[in-house]
Structures are given as structure tokens and as C-alpha cells.
Amino acid sequence: MTPLEAVPRADFAVMEEAQPKLLDAALRGPLVLTRHGRDAFVILPVDQYAALLAAAQARLPPGPPVIEG
């Protein structure tokens, strides 16, 4: 997973003006956005993203990946 510092930024103000309930829902927890009737994106609060990143990093094996062949 990419550390939060490396993730591109987008100002949510424009979307908040158009869809204020969207931001309210995202602040309460994960929010799944759909596109063409299919799950497409997940919006996570920053603290939940940090917890997910820490859990994923804890499960990684030590050292670089090795391809055997």
C-alpha cells in the first residue's frame, strides 16, 4: 500500500458543495461509490486508512519479494 504522503490530493470542497451528504457519510466510515451499477471506489476517513495501511504492512514478509523460477 502507498503511504498517505505519496497519495495525490484533491480538494473535496467542490464535491461537498454539490453533494454535502456525501461528505457527511464519508466522515462516519467507509463509503463505497458505484459507477455504472458496480462498486468502483471506496472513500475512507484518514484514521481508518492509516489503520488499514498499518495492518497490511504488518502482514508483509520481511525483505524484498523473491521470484523463484
N, C-alpha and C. Protein backbone atom coordinates (compact mmCIF):
# COMPACT_ATOMS: atom_id res chain seq x y z
N MET A 1 0.84 -1.19 0.00
CA MET A 1 0.00 0.00 0.00
C MET A 1 0.87 1.24 0.00
N THR A 2 0.38 2.27 -0.59
CA THR A 2 1.11 3.52 -0.68
C THR A 2 0.92 4.34 0.60
N PRO A 3 2.01 4.85 1.16
CA PRO A 3 1.85 5.73 2.33
C PRO A 3 1.01 6.95 1.95
N LEU A 4 0.27 7.45 2.90
CA LEU A 4 -0.65 8.56 2.64
C LEU A 4 0.07 9.78 2.08
N GLU A 5 1.32 9.98 2.48
CA GLU A 5 2.07 11.15 1.99
C GLU A 5 2.29 11.10 0.48
N ALA A 6 2.27 9.92 -0.11
CA ALA A 6 2.54 9.78 -1.53
C ALA A 6 1.27 9.76 -2.39
N VAL A 7 0.12 9.81 -1.76
CA VAL A 7 -1.15 9.74 -2.50
C VAL A 7 -1.51 11.12 -3.03
N PRO A 8 -1.94 11.22 -4.30
CA PRO A 8 -2.33 12.52 -4.85
C PRO A 8 -3.47 13.15 -4.03
N ARG A 9 -3.52 14.46 -4.03
CA ARG A 9 -4.52 15.20 -3.28
C ARG A 9 -5.56 15.80 -4.23
N ALA A 10 -6.79 15.88 -3.76
CA ALA A 10 -7.86 16.56 -4.50
C ALA A 10 -8.71 17.31 -3.49
N ASP A 11 -9.07 18.54 -3.80
CA ASP A 11 -9.90 19.34 -2.90
C ASP A 11 -11.33 18.84 -2.96
N PHE A 12 -11.86 18.46 -1.82
CA PHE A 12 -13.20 17.88 -1.74
C PHE A 12 -14.28 18.96 -1.70
N ALA A 13 -13.88 20.24 -1.64
CA ALA A 13 -14.85 21.33 -1.48
C ALA A 13 -15.87 21.38 -2.61
N VAL A 14 -15.43 21.17 -3.84
CA VAL A 14 -16.35 21.21 -4.98
C VAL A 14 -17.39 20.11 -4.86
N MET A 15 -16.94 18.90 -4.51
CA MET A 15 -17.88 17.79 -4.36
C MET A 15 -18.79 18.02 -3.15
N GLU A 16 -18.24 18.60 -2.10
CA GLU A 16 -19.04 18.86 -0.90
C GLU A 16 -20.16 19.86 -1.20
N GLU A 17 -19.87 20.86 -2.00
CA GLU A 17 -20.91 21.83 -2.38
C GLU A 17 -22.03 21.15 -3.16
N ALA A 18 -21.66 20.24 -4.05
CA ALA A 18 -22.66 19.57 -4.88
C ALA A 18 -23.39 18.47 -4.11
N GLN A 19 -22.68 17.77 -3.24
CA GLN A 19 -23.25 16.62 -2.52
C GLN A 19 -22.84 16.67 -1.04
N PRO A 20 -23.42 17.58 -0.25
CA PRO A 20 -22.99 17.69 1.15
C PRO A 20 -23.21 16.42 1.96
N LYS A 21 -24.23 15.64 1.65
CA LYS A 21 -24.48 14.40 2.40
C LYS A 21 -23.40 13.35 2.13
N LEU A 22 -22.75 13.45 0.98
CA LEU A 22 -21.68 12.52 0.65
C LEU A 22 -20.53 12.65 1.64
N LEU A 23 -20.10 13.88 1.92
CA LEU A 23 -19.02 14.09 2.87
C LEU A 23 -19.44 13.65 4.27
N ASP A 24 -20.66 13.96 4.66
CA ASP A 24 -21.14 13.53 5.98
C ASP A 24 -21.09 12.01 6.11
N ALA A 25 -21.49 11.30 5.08
CA ALA A 25 -21.46 9.83 5.10
C ALA A 25 -20.02 9.32 5.16
N ALA A 26 -19.12 9.95 4.42
CA ALA A 26 -17.72 9.51 4.39
C ALA A 26 -17.04 9.75 5.74
N LEU A 27 -17.44 10.77 6.45
CA LEU A 27 -16.85 11.05 7.76
C LEU A 27 -17.24 10.01 8.80
N ARG A 28 -18.37 9.35 8.61
CA ARG A 28 -18.85 8.33 9.56
C ARG A 28 -18.18 6.98 9.34
N GLY A 29 -17.55 6.77 8.21
CA GLY A 29 -16.90 5.48 7.96
C GLY A 29 -16.73 5.26 6.47
N PRO A 30 -16.28 4.07 6.10
CA PRO A 30 -16.05 3.79 4.68
C PRO A 30 -17.32 4.02 3.85
N LEU A 31 -17.12 4.56 2.67
CA LEU A 31 -18.22 4.84 1.75
C LEU A 31 -17.86 4.26 0.39
N VAL A 32 -18.70 3.39 -0.13
CA VAL A 32 -18.46 2.78 -1.44
C VAL A 32 -19.21 3.59 -2.50
N LEU A 33 -18.49 4.05 -3.50
CA LEU A 33 -19.09 4.76 -4.62
C LEU A 33 -19.24 3.78 -5.78
N THR A 34 -20.36 3.85 -6.44
CA THR A 34 -20.58 2.96 -7.57
C THR A 34 -20.52 3.75 -8.87
N ARG A 35 -20.22 3.03 -9.93
CA ARG A 35 -20.18 3.62 -11.28
C ARG A 35 -20.76 2.60 -12.23
N HIS A 36 -21.76 2.99 -12.97
CA HIS A 36 -22.44 2.09 -13.89
C HIS A 36 -22.98 0.85 -13.16
N GLY A 37 -23.46 1.06 -11.94
CA GLY A 37 -24.06 -0.03 -11.17
C GLY A 37 -23.09 -0.99 -10.51
N ARG A 38 -21.79 -0.69 -10.57
CA ARG A 38 -20.77 -1.56 -9.98
C ARG A 38 -19.94 -0.79 -8.97
N ASP A 39 -19.48 -1.48 -7.92
CA ASP A 39 -18.60 -0.84 -6.95
C ASP A 39 -17.34 -0.36 -7.66
N ALA A 40 -16.98 0.90 -7.43
CA ALA A 40 -15.85 1.46 -8.16
C ALA A 40 -14.78 2.07 -7.24
N PHE A 41 -15.18 2.72 -6.17
CA PHE A 41 -14.24 3.42 -5.31
C PHE A 41 -14.68 3.28 -3.86
N VAL A 42 -13.70 3.40 -2.94
CA VAL A 42 -14.01 3.44 -1.52
C VAL A 42 -13.38 4.71 -0.96
N ILE A 43 -14.18 5.48 -0.26
CA ILE A 43 -13.67 6.66 0.44
C ILE A 43 -13.55 6.27 1.91
N LEU A 44 -12.34 6.43 2.45
CA LEU A 44 -12.07 6.10 3.85
C LEU A 44 -11.65 7.34 4.61
N PRO A 45 -12.10 7.51 5.85
CA PRO A 45 -11.52 8.56 6.69
C PRO A 45 -10.02 8.28 6.89
N VAL A 46 -9.24 9.33 7.06
CA VAL A 46 -7.78 9.20 7.15
C VAL A 46 -7.36 8.24 8.26
N ASP A 47 -8.01 8.29 9.42
CA ASP A 47 -7.61 7.41 10.52
C ASP A 47 -7.86 5.94 10.17
N GLN A 48 -8.93 5.66 9.45
CA GLN A 48 -9.19 4.28 9.04
C GLN A 48 -8.22 3.83 7.96
N TYR A 49 -7.82 4.74 7.07
CA TYR A 49 -6.82 4.40 6.06
C TYR A 49 -5.49 4.08 6.75
N ALA A 50 -5.11 4.88 7.74
CA ALA A 50 -3.85 4.64 8.46
C ALA A 50 -3.87 3.28 9.15
N ALA A 51 -5.00 2.91 9.74
CA ALA A 51 -5.12 1.61 10.40
C ALA A 51 -5.03 0.47 9.37
N LEU A 52 -5.67 0.64 8.23
CA LEU A 52 -5.61 -0.36 7.17
C LEU A 52 -4.18 -0.51 6.64
N LEU A 53 -3.49 0.60 6.44
CA LEU A 53 -2.11 0.56 5.97
C LEU A 53 -1.21 -0.14 6.98
N ALA A 54 -1.36 0.17 8.26
CA ALA A 54 -0.53 -0.45 9.29
C ALA A 54 -0.78 -1.96 9.35
N ALA A 55 -2.04 -2.37 9.24
CA ALA A 55 -2.36 -3.80 9.27
C ALA A 55 -1.78 -4.52 8.06
N ALA A 56 -1.85 -3.89 6.89
CA ALA A 56 -1.30 -4.50 5.67
C ALA A 56 0.21 -4.61 5.76
N GLN A 57 0.87 -3.58 6.25
CA GLN A 57 2.32 -3.60 6.36
C GLN A 57 2.79 -4.63 7.38
N ALA A 58 2.01 -4.86 8.42
CA ALA A 58 2.37 -5.85 9.43
C ALA A 58 2.33 -7.27 8.86
N ARG A 59 1.55 -7.48 7.82
CA ARG A 59 1.42 -8.81 7.22
C ARG A 59 2.45 -9.08 6.12
N LEU A 60 3.19 -8.07 5.70
CA LEU A 60 4.19 -8.26 4.64
C LEU A 60 5.35 -9.09 5.15
N PRO A 61 5.87 -10.00 4.33
CA PRO A 61 7.05 -10.73 4.74
C PRO A 61 8.25 -9.78 4.75
N PRO A 62 9.27 -10.09 5.59
CA PRO A 62 10.44 -9.21 5.63
C PRO A 62 11.24 -9.31 4.33
N GLY A 63 11.85 -8.21 3.94
CA GLY A 63 12.71 -8.19 2.77
C GLY A 63 11.94 -8.01 1.47
N PRO A 64 12.69 -7.88 0.38
CA PRO A 64 12.05 -7.68 -0.92
C PRO A 64 11.39 -8.98 -1.42
N PRO A 65 10.45 -8.85 -2.34
CA PRO A 65 9.83 -10.06 -2.88
C PRO A 65 10.84 -10.89 -3.69
N VAL A 66 10.68 -12.20 -3.64
CA VAL A 66 11.60 -13.10 -4.35
C VAL A 66 10.76 -13.90 -5.36
N ILE A 67 11.23 -13.91 -6.60
CA ILE A 67 10.58 -14.70 -7.64
C ILE A 67 11.45 -15.92 -7.91
N GLU A 68 10.88 -17.07 -7.63
CA GLU A 68 11.62 -18.31 -7.85
C GLU A 68 11.21 -18.89 -9.20
N GLY A 69 12.15 -19.45 -9.90
CA GLY A 69 11.78 -19.99 -11.18
C GLY A 69 12.78 -20.83 -11.77
